[in-house]
Amino acid sequence: LGEAEAQGIEIDPDGRLQLTALAMRSDARRRRAERVLPEVGRLANRTDVPLGVFKGPANAALYRSPSLRPYNDVDLFVSSPPAAGLEELLVAMGREQASAAALVELSQRGTPIHEVTISVDGVDFDVHFNPFGFVTPLRSPGRIEEHFTQQFGDSGSGFRGPSRELALAIACINLVRKGGGALWILADCARLVSETAGCFDWDRFECLATDEGLAPLTAQALRILREDLDLDVPDALVADKRAWWGPVFGEGQATKRLLRRGTWSILHRRPMMLSESLPALRSWYLPNQIQSVARWDDRTQ
């Protein structure tokens, strides 16, 4: 609203009222999250579980005012295999004991888990085992942990923020998955690329994308940034035009068929028919069996 007024753009009273209400609601959510975050940080310190903060709260630091970057929840990253105190932390945050124990056991066995959502004092915390949002396990978890080296919040907060390179990789994934519909994702990408031009390490970004099999996906997102926002992106990073799901889920028609029926529905929270749910849930917990699940015929479903 302030930018519109500064540029002399006229806004009718109803539009002004709606923008003001949206800004107030967004700011209230952000302030509530900022109040609860230190409490979760103290729990993390007490249980000796290192936590990474990424997406909304971390990217808000890129803006001249945190209120300009809305977010609905707080995304946290925990390493896999998890720290010994993770079960205690999940219980302290409000997860039931049996559920927390089962989640930790699954993670220790290497079973891919997308995320665990826990509400703390009205704020949703999404605890991720893979910051890229895939149900497949990380290829190089140690390298991902190396990217969570930035101090987030106070020195004793118990949180670490992502490197600029990891933050851009995550933003690229969300940009492709959501089709560029979320304007704040475009804004995050623009700030990460343009405002850190002198210190952004494109070589490190390329190594991260290659190691995790994300090169086709990040290339697609970077092409959007180059074409739509006229951002300066290295030519080598936009050259990969393979289908983005290939390196992540495996090549072939079987994978494409499964993605159309189930996994894509879960990623986008689209309501599924009953006939779709079984292979989708199977792929959710058993991504290594994607090829066999996709070959099931309609009668087996």
C-alpha atoms as a PDB file:
ATOM      1  CA  LEU A   1       0.000   0.000   0.000  1.00  0.00           C
ATOM      2  CA  GLY A   2       2.862   2.349   0.849  1.00  0.00           C
ATOM      3  CA  GLU A   3       4.603   1.604  -2.463  1.00  0.00           C
ATOM      4  CA  ALA A   4       1.371   2.273  -4.375  1.00  0.00           C
ATOM      5  CA  GLU A   5       0.891   5.615  -2.635  1.00  0.00           C
ATOM      6  CA  ALA A   6       4.536   6.570  -3.249  1.00  0.00           C
ATOM      7  CA  GLN A   7       4.084   5.913  -6.970  1.00  0.00           C
ATOM      8  CA  GLY A   8       0.824   7.845  -7.157  1.00  0.00           C
ATOM      9  CA  ILE A   9      -1.328   4.779  -7.873  1.00  0.00           C
ATOM     10  CA  GLU A  10      -4.950   5.377  -6.933  1.00  0.00           C
ATOM     11  CA  ILE A  11      -6.618   2.664  -4.847  1.00  0.00           C
ATOM     12  CA  ASP A  12     -10.359   2.691  -4.201  1.00  0.00           C
ATOM     13  CA  PRO A  13     -11.562   2.633  -0.575  1.00  0.00           C
ATOM     14  CA  ASP A  14     -12.592  -1.049  -0.681  1.00  0.00           C
ATOM     15  CA  GLY A  15      -9.214  -2.079  -2.079  1.00  0.00           C
ATOM     16  CA  ARG A  16      -7.421  -0.008   0.536  1.00  0.00           C
ATOM     17  CA  LEU A  17      -9.468  -1.630   3.292  1.00  0.00           C
ATOM     18  CA  GLN A  18      -8.718  -5.132   1.993  1.00  0.00           C
ATOM     19  CA  LEU A  19      -4.986  -4.452   1.671  1.00  0.00           C
ATOM     20  CA  THR A  20      -4.871  -3.008   5.176  1.00  0.00           C
ATOM     21  CA  ALA A  21      -6.723  -6.016   6.613  1.00  0.00           C
ATOM     22  CA  LEU A  22      -4.384  -8.438   4.806  1.00  0.00           C
ATOM     23  CA  ALA A  23      -1.333  -6.585   6.090  1.00  0.00           C
ATOM     24  CA  MET A  24      -2.631  -6.574   9.672  1.00  0.00           C
ATOM     25  CA  ARG A  25      -3.492 -10.276   9.580  1.00  0.00           C
ATOM     26  CA  SER A  26      -0.139 -11.192   8.068  1.00  0.00           C
ATOM     27  CA  ASP A  27       1.745  -9.083  10.579  1.00  0.00           C
ATOM     28  CA  ALA A  28      -0.186 -10.639  13.467  1.00  0.00           C
ATOM     29  CA  ARG A  29       0.808 -14.137  12.317  1.00  0.00           C
ATOM     30  CA  ARG A  30       4.435 -13.095  11.981  1.00  0.00           C
ATOM     31  CA  ARG A  31       4.536 -11.512  15.434  1.00  0.00           C
ATOM     32  CA  ARG A  32       2.942 -14.587  16.984  1.00  0.00           C
ATOM     33  CA  ALA A  33       5.553 -16.787  15.326  1.00  0.00           C
ATOM     34  CA  GLU A  34       8.340 -14.510  16.543  1.00  0.00           C
ATOM     35  CA  ARG A  35       7.037 -14.848  20.109  1.00  0.00           C
ATOM     36  CA  VAL A  36       6.883 -18.649  19.964  1.00  0.00           C
ATOM     37  CA  LEU A  37      10.185 -19.246  18.138  1.00  0.00           C
ATOM     38  CA  PRO A  38      12.418 -18.525  21.181  1.00  0.00           C
ATOM     39  CA  GLU A  39      10.415 -21.052  23.219  1.00  0.00           C
ATOM     40  CA  VAL A  40      11.024 -23.773  20.620  1.00  0.00           C
ATOM     41  CA  GLY A  41      14.674 -22.725  20.463  1.00  0.00           C
ATOM     42  CA  ARG A  42      15.023 -23.247  24.217  1.00  0.00           C
ATOM     43  CA  LEU A  43      13.501 -26.710  23.866  1.00  0.00           C
ATOM     44  CA  ALA A  44      15.980 -27.492  21.080  1.00  0.00           C
ATOM     45  CA  ASN A  45      18.897 -26.364  23.249  1.00  0.00           C
ATOM     46  CA  ARG A  46      17.655 -28.410  26.191  1.00  0.00           C
ATOM     47  CA  THR A  47      17.311 -31.573  24.099  1.00  0.00           C
ATOM     48  CA  ASP A  48      20.533 -30.850  22.154  1.00  0.00           C
ATOM     49  CA  VAL A  49      18.800 -31.064  18.759  1.00  0.00           C
ATOM     50  CA  PRO A  50      20.219 -28.685  16.119  1.00  0.00           C
ATOM     51  CA  LEU A  51      17.428 -27.047  14.133  1.00  0.00           C
ATOM     52  CA  GLY A  52      17.600 -25.183  10.845  1.00  0.00           C
ATOM     53  CA  VAL A  53      15.069 -22.464  10.031  1.00  0.00           C
ATOM     54  CA  PHE A  54      14.309 -21.861   6.369  1.00  0.00           C
ATOM     55  CA  LYS A  55      11.775 -20.420   3.908  1.00  0.00           C
ATOM     56  CA  GLY A  56       9.489 -17.740   5.375  1.00  0.00           C
ATOM     57  CA  PRO A  57      11.181 -16.655   8.636  1.00  0.00           C
ATOM     58  CA  ALA A  58      14.699 -16.915   7.185  1.00  0.00           C
ATOM     59  CA  ASN A  59      13.845 -15.132   3.921  1.00  0.00           C
ATOM     60  CA  ALA A  60      12.105 -12.308   5.779  1.00  0.00           C
ATOM     61  CA  ALA A  61      15.588 -11.041   6.669  1.00  0.00           C
ATOM     62  CA  LEU A  62      16.088 -10.189   2.985  1.00  0.00           C
ATOM     63  CA  TYR A  63      13.482  -7.411   3.165  1.00  0.00           C
ATOM     64  CA  ARG A  64      13.805  -3.929   4.605  1.00  0.00           C
ATOM     65  CA  SER A  65      10.954  -4.835   6.938  1.00  0.00           C
ATOM     66  CA  PRO A  66      10.097  -8.428   7.985  1.00  0.00           C
ATOM     67  CA  SER A  67       6.414  -7.542   7.695  1.00  0.00           C
ATOM     68  CA  LEU A  68       6.846  -7.387   3.897  1.00  0.00           C
ATOM     69  CA  ARG A  69       7.444 -11.165   3.748  1.00  0.00           C
ATOM     70  CA  PRO A  70       4.272 -13.049   4.808  1.00  0.00           C
ATOM     71  CA  TYR A  71       4.361 -16.653   5.976  1.00  0.00           C
ATOM     72  CA  ASN A  72       1.775 -18.923   7.537  1.00  0.00           C
ATOM     73  CA  ASP A  73       4.016 -21.372   9.383  1.00  0.00           C
ATOM     74  CA  VAL A  74       7.602 -21.963  10.472  1.00  0.00           C
ATOM     75  CA  ASP A  75       9.687 -24.517   8.583  1.00  0.00           C
ATOM     76  CA  LEU A  76      12.369 -26.369  10.534  1.00  0.00           C
ATOM     77  CA  PHE A  77      15.007 -28.821   9.304  1.00  0.00           C
ATOM     78  CA  VAL A  78      16.358 -31.714  11.378  1.00  0.00           C
ATOM     79  CA  SER A  79      19.230 -33.888  10.258  1.00  0.00           C
ATOM     80  CA  SER A  80      18.793 -37.533   9.370  1.00  0.00           C
ATOM     81  CA  PRO A  81      19.568 -39.808  11.124  1.00  0.00           C
ATOM     82  CA  PRO A  82      18.077 -37.632  13.854  1.00  0.00           C
ATOM     83  CA  ALA A  83      19.773 -36.480  17.023  1.00  0.00           C
ATOM     84  CA  ALA A  84      19.212 -38.559  20.141  1.00  0.00           C
ATOM     85  CA  GLY A  85      16.935 -35.941  21.695  1.00  0.00           C
ATOM     86  CA  LEU A  86      14.539 -35.563  18.764  1.00  0.00           C
ATOM     87  CA  GLU A  87      11.819 -37.704  20.343  1.00  0.00           C
ATOM     88  CA  GLU A  88      12.004 -35.640  23.531  1.00  0.00           C
ATOM     89  CA  LEU A  89      11.841 -32.431  21.488  1.00  0.00           C
ATOM     90  CA  LEU A  90       8.788 -33.557  19.510  1.00  0.00           C
ATOM     91  CA  VAL A  91       7.004 -34.530  22.734  1.00  0.00           C
ATOM     92  CA  ALA A  92       7.913 -31.209  24.355  1.00  0.00           C
ATOM     93  CA  MET A  93       6.464 -29.405  21.329  1.00  0.00           C
ATOM     94  CA  GLY A  94       3.173 -31.281  21.745  1.00  0.00           C
ATOM     95  CA  ARG A  95       3.490 -34.496  19.741  1.00  0.00           C
ATOM     96  CA  GLU A  96       2.123 -37.630  21.404  1.00  0.00           C
ATOM     97  CA  GLN A  97       4.790 -39.941  22.834  1.00  0.00           C
ATOM     98  CA  ALA A  98       3.885 -42.948  20.673  1.00  0.00           C
ATOM     99  CA  SER A  99       3.725 -40.838  17.520  1.00  0.00           C
ATOM    100  CA  ALA A 100       7.066 -39.160  18.243  1.00  0.00           C
ATOM    101  CA  ALA A 101       8.739 -42.495  18.943  1.00  0.00           C
ATOM    102  CA  ALA A 102       7.380 -43.989  15.712  1.00  0.00           C
ATOM    103  CA  LEU A 103       8.580 -41.017  13.655  1.00  0.00           C
ATOM    104  CA  VAL A 104      12.075 -41.193  15.116  1.00  0.00           C
ATOM    105  CA  GLU A 105      12.220 -44.947  14.538  1.00  0.00           C
ATOM    106  CA  LEU A 106      11.176 -44.537  10.900  1.00  0.00           C
ATOM    107  CA  SER A 107      13.798 -41.855  10.378  1.00  0.00           C
ATOM    108  CA  GLN A 108      16.532 -43.950  12.008  1.00  0.00           C
ATOM    109  CA  ARG A 109      15.669 -46.845   9.680  1.00  0.00           C
ATOM    110  CA  GLY A 110      16.083 -44.527   6.708  1.00  0.00           C
ATOM    111  CA  THR A 111      12.385 -44.438   5.817  1.00  0.00           C
ATOM    112  CA  PRO A 112      11.775 -41.128   4.018  1.00  0.00           C
ATOM    113  CA  ILE A 113       9.404 -38.790   5.870  1.00  0.00           C
ATOM    114  CA  HIS A 114       8.166 -35.625   4.223  1.00  0.00           C
ATOM    115  CA  GLU A 115       7.375 -33.454   7.237  1.00  0.00           C
ATOM    116  CA  VAL A 116       5.767 -33.447  10.678  1.00  0.00           C
ATOM    117  CA  THR A 117       3.437 -30.585  11.566  1.00  0.00           C
ATOM    118  CA  ILE A 118       3.139 -29.565  15.222  1.00  0.00           C
ATOM    119  CA  SER A 119       1.108 -26.628  16.531  1.00  0.00           C
ATOM    120  CA  VAL A 120       2.732 -24.674  19.374  1.00  0.00           C
ATOM    121  CA  ASP A 121       0.622 -21.900  20.903  1.00  0.00           C
ATOM    122  CA  GLY A 122      -1.298 -21.435  17.678  1.00  0.00           C
ATOM    123  CA  VAL A 123       1.771 -21.468  15.402  1.00  0.00           C
ATOM    124  CA  ASP A 124       2.300 -24.388  13.012  1.00  0.00           C
ATOM    125  CA  PHE A 125       5.827 -25.749  12.904  1.00  0.00           C
ATOM    126  CA  ASP A 126       6.638 -27.999   9.943  1.00  0.00           C
ATOM    127  CA  VAL A 127       9.564 -30.220  10.917  1.00  0.00           C
ATOM    128  CA  HIS A 128      11.267 -31.398   7.708  1.00  0.00           C
ATOM    129  CA  PHE A 129      13.699 -34.246   7.198  1.00  0.00           C
ATOM    130  CA  ASN A 130      14.247 -33.049   3.613  1.00  0.00           C
ATOM    131  CA  PRO A 131      14.219 -29.255   3.113  1.00  0.00           C
ATOM    132  CA  PHE A 132      13.435 -29.678  -0.588  1.00  0.00           C
ATOM    133  CA  GLY A 133       9.969 -31.037   0.169  1.00  0.00           C
ATOM    134  CA  PHE A 134      10.440 -34.410  -1.537  1.00  0.00           C
ATOM    135  CA  VAL A 135       9.552 -37.791  -0.060  1.00  0.00           C
ATOM    136  CA  THR A 136      12.838 -39.184  -1.341  1.00  0.00           C
ATOM    137  CA  PRO A 137      15.800 -39.244   1.068  1.00  0.00           C
ATOM    138  CA  LEU A 138      18.559 -36.692   0.769  1.00  0.00           C
ATOM    139  CA  ARG A 139      21.461 -37.899  -1.345  1.00  0.00           C
ATOM    140  CA  SER A 140      24.067 -36.025   0.699  1.00  0.00           C
ATOM    141  CA  PRO A 141      22.581 -35.045   4.099  1.00  0.00           C
ATOM    142  CA  GLY A 142      25.987 -33.996   5.407  1.00  0.00           C
ATOM    143  CA  ARG A 143      26.319 -31.405   2.657  1.00  0.00           C
ATOM    144  CA  ILE A 144      22.860 -30.017   3.459  1.00  0.00           C
ATOM    145  CA  GLU A 145      23.807 -29.604   7.111  1.00  0.00           C
ATOM    146  CA  GLU A 146      26.888 -27.668   6.004  1.00  0.00           C
ATOM    147  CA  HIS A 147      24.567 -25.135   4.396  1.00  0.00           C
ATOM    148  CA  PHE A 148      22.806 -24.428   7.716  1.00  0.00           C
ATOM    149  CA  THR A 149      25.645 -22.337   9.121  1.00  0.00           C
ATOM    150  CA  GLN A 150      24.097 -18.870   9.285  1.00  0.00           C
ATOM    151  CA  GLN A 151      23.171 -17.535  12.683  1.00  0.00           C
ATOM    152  CA  PHE A 152      19.405 -17.111  13.002  1.00  0.00           C
ATOM    153  CA  GLY A 153      18.071 -14.979  15.824  1.00  0.00           C
ATOM    154  CA  ASP A 154      20.046 -14.502  19.028  1.00  0.00           C
ATOM    155  CA  SER A 155      23.307 -16.342  19.622  1.00  0.00           C
ATOM    156  CA  GLY A 156      21.592 -18.684  22.070  1.00  0.00           C
ATOM    157  CA  SER A 157      18.444 -19.253  20.014  1.00  0.00           C
ATOM    158  CA  GLY A 158      19.337 -22.826  19.014  1.00  0.00           C
ATOM    159  CA  PHE A 159      18.555 -22.103  15.342  1.00  0.00           C
ATOM    160  CA  ARG A 160      20.657 -21.914  12.213  1.00  0.00           C
ATOM    161  CA  GLY A 161      19.614 -20.294   8.953  1.00  0.00           C
ATOM    162  CA  PRO A 162      20.361 -21.535   5.427  1.00  0.00           C
ATOM    163  CA  SER A 163      23.101 -20.289   3.152  1.00  0.00           C
ATOM    164  CA  ARG A 164      21.986 -18.056   0.285  1.00  0.00           C
ATOM    165  CA  GLU A 165      22.684 -20.922  -2.128  1.00  0.00           C
ATOM    166  CA  LEU A 166      20.452 -23.391  -0.251  1.00  0.00           C
ATOM    167  CA  ALA A 167      17.741 -20.745   0.184  1.00  0.00           C
ATOM    168  CA  LEU A 168      17.696 -20.145  -3.585  1.00  0.00           C
ATOM    169  CA  ALA A 169      17.576 -23.892  -4.356  1.00  0.00           C
ATOM    170  CA  ILE A 170      14.546 -24.276  -2.063  1.00  0.00           C
ATOM    171  CA  ALA A 171      12.888 -21.194  -3.578  1.00  0.00           C
ATOM    172  CA  CYS A 172      13.489 -22.573  -7.092  1.00  0.00           C
ATOM    173  CA  ILE A 173      11.751 -25.823  -6.173  1.00  0.00           C
ATOM    174  CA  ASN A 174       8.731 -23.996  -4.773  1.00  0.00           C
ATOM    175  CA  LEU A 175       8.649 -21.703  -7.798  1.00  0.00           C
ATOM    176  CA  VAL A 176       8.377 -24.661 -10.187  1.00  0.00           C
ATOM    177  CA  ARG A 177       5.965 -26.654  -8.018  1.00  0.00           C
ATOM    178  CA  LYS A 178       3.612 -23.706  -7.564  1.00  0.00           C
ATOM    179  CA  GLY A 179       3.973 -22.431 -11.113  1.00  0.00           C
ATOM    180  CA  GLY A 180       5.140 -18.993 -10.089  1.00  0.00           C
ATOM    181  CA  GLY A 181       1.734 -18.262  -8.582  1.00  0.00           C
ATOM    182  CA  ALA A 182       3.110 -17.228  -5.202  1.00  0.00           C
ATOM    183  CA  LEU A 183       4.515 -13.746  -5.661  1.00  0.00           C
ATOM    184  CA  TRP A 184       6.609 -13.873  -2.504  1.00  0.00           C
ATOM    185  CA  ILE A 185       8.589 -16.797  -3.957  1.00  0.00           C
ATOM    186  CA  LEU A 186       9.490 -14.657  -6.976  1.00  0.00           C
ATOM    187  CA  ALA A 187      10.377 -11.825  -4.623  1.00  0.00           C
ATOM    188  CA  ASP A 188      12.609 -14.129  -2.542  1.00  0.00           C
ATOM    189  CA  CYS A 189      14.421 -15.357  -5.659  1.00  0.00           C
ATOM    190  CA  ALA A 190      14.931 -11.822  -6.923  1.00  0.00           C
ATOM    191  CA  ARG A 191      16.436 -10.681  -3.644  1.00  0.00           C
ATOM    192  CA  LEU A 192      18.649 -13.736  -3.278  1.00  0.00           C
ATOM    193  CA  VAL A 193      20.055 -13.306  -6.806  1.00  0.00           C
ATOM    194  CA  SER A 194      20.182  -9.539  -7.302  1.00  0.00           C
ATOM    195  CA  GLU A 195      20.874  -8.140  -3.856  1.00  0.00           C
ATOM    196  CA  THR A 196      23.640 -10.649  -3.088  1.00  0.00           C
ATOM    197  CA  ALA A 197      25.289 -10.542  -6.512  1.00  0.00           C
ATOM    198  CA  GLY A 198      28.687  -9.827  -5.003  1.00  0.00           C
ATOM    199  CA  CYS A 199      28.657 -12.682  -2.502  1.00  0.00           C
ATOM    200  CA  PHE A 200      26.424 -15.313  -4.102  1.00  0.00           C
ATOM    201  CA  ASP A 201      28.462 -18.432  -4.940  1.00  0.00           C
ATOM    202  CA  TRP A 202      27.048 -19.846  -8.186  1.00  0.00           C
ATOM    203  CA  ASP A 203      29.590 -22.683  -8.181  1.00  0.00           C
ATOM    204  CA  ARG A 204      28.430 -23.786  -4.751  1.00  0.00           C
ATOM    205  CA  PHE A 205      24.816 -23.541  -5.892  1.00  0.00           C
ATOM    206  CA  GLU A 206      25.563 -25.700  -8.929  1.00  0.00           C
ATOM    207  CA  CYS A 207      27.300 -28.355  -6.779  1.00  0.00           C
ATOM    208  CA  LEU A 208      24.307 -28.461  -4.427  1.00  0.00           C
ATOM    209  CA  ALA A 209      21.794 -28.815  -7.268  1.00  0.00           C
ATOM    210  CA  THR A 210      23.873 -31.497  -8.991  1.00  0.00           C
ATOM    211  CA  ASP A 211      24.537 -33.540  -5.850  1.00  0.00           C
ATOM    212  CA  GLU A 212      20.844 -33.636  -4.955  1.00  0.00           C
ATOM    213  CA  GLY A 213      19.657 -34.274  -8.537  1.00  0.00           C
ATOM    214  CA  LEU A 214      17.889 -30.924  -8.748  1.00  0.00           C
ATOM    215  CA  ALA A 215      19.644 -29.486 -11.806  1.00  0.00           C
ATOM    216  CA  PRO A 216      16.681 -29.805 -14.236  1.00  0.00           C
ATOM    217  CA  LEU A 217      14.339 -28.255 -11.694  1.00  0.00           C
ATOM    218  CA  THR A 218      16.597 -25.346 -10.729  1.00  0.00           C
ATOM    219  CA  ALA A 219      17.317 -24.734 -14.434  1.00  0.00           C
ATOM    220  CA  GLN A 220      13.595 -24.392 -15.115  1.00  0.00           C
ATOM    221  CA  ALA A 221      13.183 -21.945 -12.243  1.00  0.00           C
ATOM    222  CA  LEU A 222      16.240 -19.904 -13.220  1.00  0.00           C
ATOM    223  CA  ARG A 223      14.892 -19.609 -16.774  1.00  0.00           C
ATOM    224  CA  ILE A 224      11.741 -18.076 -15.305  1.00  0.00           C
ATOM    225  CA  LEU A 225      13.828 -15.603 -13.300  1.00  0.00           C
ATOM    226  CA  ARG A 226      15.913 -14.688 -16.331  1.00  0.00           C
ATOM    227  CA  GLU A 227      12.995 -14.310 -18.758  1.00  0.00           C
ATOM    228  CA  ASP A 228      10.385 -12.734 -16.482  1.00  0.00           C
ATOM    229  CA  LEU A 229      12.509 -10.687 -14.078  1.00  0.00           C
ATOM    230  CA  ASP A 230      15.568 -10.074 -16.281  1.00  0.00           C
ATOM    231  CA  LEU A 231      17.927 -11.356 -13.565  1.00  0.00           C
ATOM    232  CA  ASP A 232      21.564 -12.092 -14.335  1.00  0.00           C
ATOM    233  CA  VAL A 233      21.853 -15.898 -14.231  1.00  0.00           C
ATOM    234  CA  PRO A 234      24.841 -17.902 -15.572  1.00  0.00           C
ATOM    235  CA  ASP A 235      24.121 -19.573 -18.916  1.00  0.00           C
ATOM    236  CA  ALA A 236      25.387 -22.970 -17.749  1.00  0.00           C
ATOM    237  CA  LEU A 237      22.733 -23.177 -15.017  1.00  0.00           C
ATOM    238  CA  VAL A 238      19.747 -22.770 -17.348  1.00  0.00           C
ATOM    239  CA  ALA A 239      20.894 -25.217 -20.035  1.00  0.00           C
ATOM    240  CA  ASP A 240      19.493 -28.425 -18.481  1.00  0.00           C
ATOM    241  CA  LYS A 241      16.076 -29.002 -20.091  1.00  0.00           C
ATOM    242  CA  ARG A 242      15.372 -32.529 -18.865  1.00  0.00           C
ATOM    243  CA  ALA A 243      12.042 -33.247 -17.160  1.00  0.00           C
ATOM    244  CA  TRP A 244      12.505 -32.142 -13.556  1.00  0.00           C
ATOM    245  CA  TRP A 245      11.166 -35.360 -11.989  1.00  0.00           C
ATOM    246  CA  GLY A 246      13.686 -37.628 -13.717  1.00  0.00           C
ATOM    247  CA  PRO A 247      16.647 -37.265 -11.336  1.00  0.00           C
ATOM    248  CA  VAL A 248      14.352 -37.201  -8.314  1.00  0.00           C
ATOM    249  CA  PHE A 249      11.936 -40.075  -8.946  1.00  0.00           C
ATOM    250  CA  GLY A 250      13.597 -41.979 -11.811  1.00  0.00           C
ATOM    251  CA  GLU A 251      13.110 -41.880 -15.558  1.00  0.00           C
ATOM    252  CA  GLY A 252      10.481 -43.682 -17.582  1.00  0.00           C
ATOM    253  CA  GLN A 253       6.776 -43.777 -18.362  1.00  0.00           C
ATOM    254  CA  ALA A 254       6.002 -45.654 -15.147  1.00  0.00           C
ATOM    255  CA  THR A 255       7.251 -42.750 -13.063  1.00  0.00           C
ATOM    256  CA  LYS A 256       5.272 -40.233 -15.094  1.00  0.00           C
ATOM    257  CA  ARG A 257       2.116 -42.313 -14.693  1.00  0.00           C
ATOM    258  CA  LEU A 258       2.542 -42.511 -10.929  1.00  0.00           C
ATOM    259  CA  LEU A 259       3.248 -38.802 -10.639  1.00  0.00           C
ATOM    260  CA  ARG A 260       0.072 -38.004 -12.549  1.00  0.00           C
ATOM    261  CA  ARG A 261      -2.010 -40.300 -10.354  1.00  0.00           C
ATOM    262  CA  GLY A 262      -0.676 -39.859  -6.880  1.00  0.00           C
ATOM    263  CA  THR A 263       2.544 -38.221  -5.768  1.00  0.00           C
ATOM    264  CA  TRP A 264       1.821 -34.932  -7.520  1.00  0.00           C
ATOM    265  CA  SER A 265      -1.585 -34.886  -5.833  1.00  0.00           C
ATOM    266  CA  ILE A 266       0.017 -35.167  -2.412  1.00  0.00           C
ATOM    267  CA  LEU A 267       2.574 -32.456  -3.135  1.00  0.00           C
ATOM    268  CA  HIS A 268      -0.197 -30.094  -4.213  1.00  0.00           C
ATOM    269  CA  ARG A 269      -2.774 -31.205  -1.623  1.00  0.00           C
ATOM    270  CA  ARG A 270      -5.227 -32.008  -4.425  1.00  0.00           C
ATOM    271  CA  PRO A 271      -8.207 -34.183  -3.366  1.00  0.00           C
ATOM    272  CA  MET A 272      -7.685 -37.714  -4.678  1.00  0.00           C
ATOM    273  CA  MET A 273     -10.091 -40.386  -5.775  1.00  0.00           C
ATOM    274  CA  LEU A 274     -10.005 -43.604  -3.754  1.00  0.00           C
ATOM    275  CA  SER A 275      -8.460 -45.438  -6.705  1.00  0.00           C
ATOM    276  CA  GLU A 276      -5.562 -42.967  -6.626  1.00  0.00           C
ATOM    277  CA  SER A 277      -4.866 -43.054  -2.911  1.00  0.00           C
ATOM    278  CA  LEU A 278      -3.221 -46.464  -2.550  1.00  0.00           C
ATOM    279  CA  PRO A 279      -0.329 -45.993  -4.998  1.00  0.00           C
ATOM    280  CA  ALA A 280       0.093 -42.427  -3.791  1.00  0.00           C
ATOM    281  CA  LEU A 281       0.425 -43.471  -0.160  1.00  0.00           C
ATOM    282  CA  ARG A 282       2.667 -46.368  -1.112  1.00  0.00           C
ATOM    283  CA  SER A 283       4.962 -43.996  -2.960  1.00  0.00           C
ATOM    284  CA  TRP A 284       4.836 -41.619   0.018  1.00  0.00           C
ATOM    285  CA  TYR A 285       6.460 -44.164   2.319  1.00  0.00           C
ATOM    286  CA  LEU A 286       8.190 -46.454  -0.155  1.00  0.00           C
ATOM    287  CA  PRO A 287       9.632 -44.258  -2.918  1.00  0.00           C
ATOM    288  CA  ASN A 288      12.173 -46.921  -3.815  1.00  0.00           C
ATOM    289  CA  GLN A 289       9.278 -49.063  -5.041  1.00  0.00           C
ATOM    290  CA  ILE A 290       7.910 -46.357  -7.328  1.00  0.00           C
ATOM    291  CA  GLN A 291       8.442 -48.420 -10.478  1.00  0.00           C
ATOM    292  CA  SER A 292       6.621 -51.497  -9.146  1.00  0.00           C
ATOM    293  CA  VAL A 293       3.771 -49.467  -7.645  1.00  0.00           C
ATOM    294  CA  ALA A 294       3.270 -47.641 -10.931  1.00  0.00           C
ATOM    295  CA  ARG A 295       2.898 -50.940 -12.767  1.00  0.00           C
ATOM    296  CA  TRP A 296      -0.108 -51.977 -10.708  1.00  0.00           C
ATOM    297  CA  ASP A 297      -3.199 -52.193 -12.888  1.00  0.00           C
ATOM    298  CA  ASP A 298      -6.651 -50.851 -12.090  1.00  0.00           C
ATOM    299  CA  ARG A 299      -7.927 -54.130 -10.703  1.00  0.00           C
ATOM    300  CA  THR A 300      -5.047 -54.367  -8.232  1.00  0.00           C
ATOM    301  CA  GLN A 301      -5.744 -50.814  -7.080  1.00  0.00           C
END
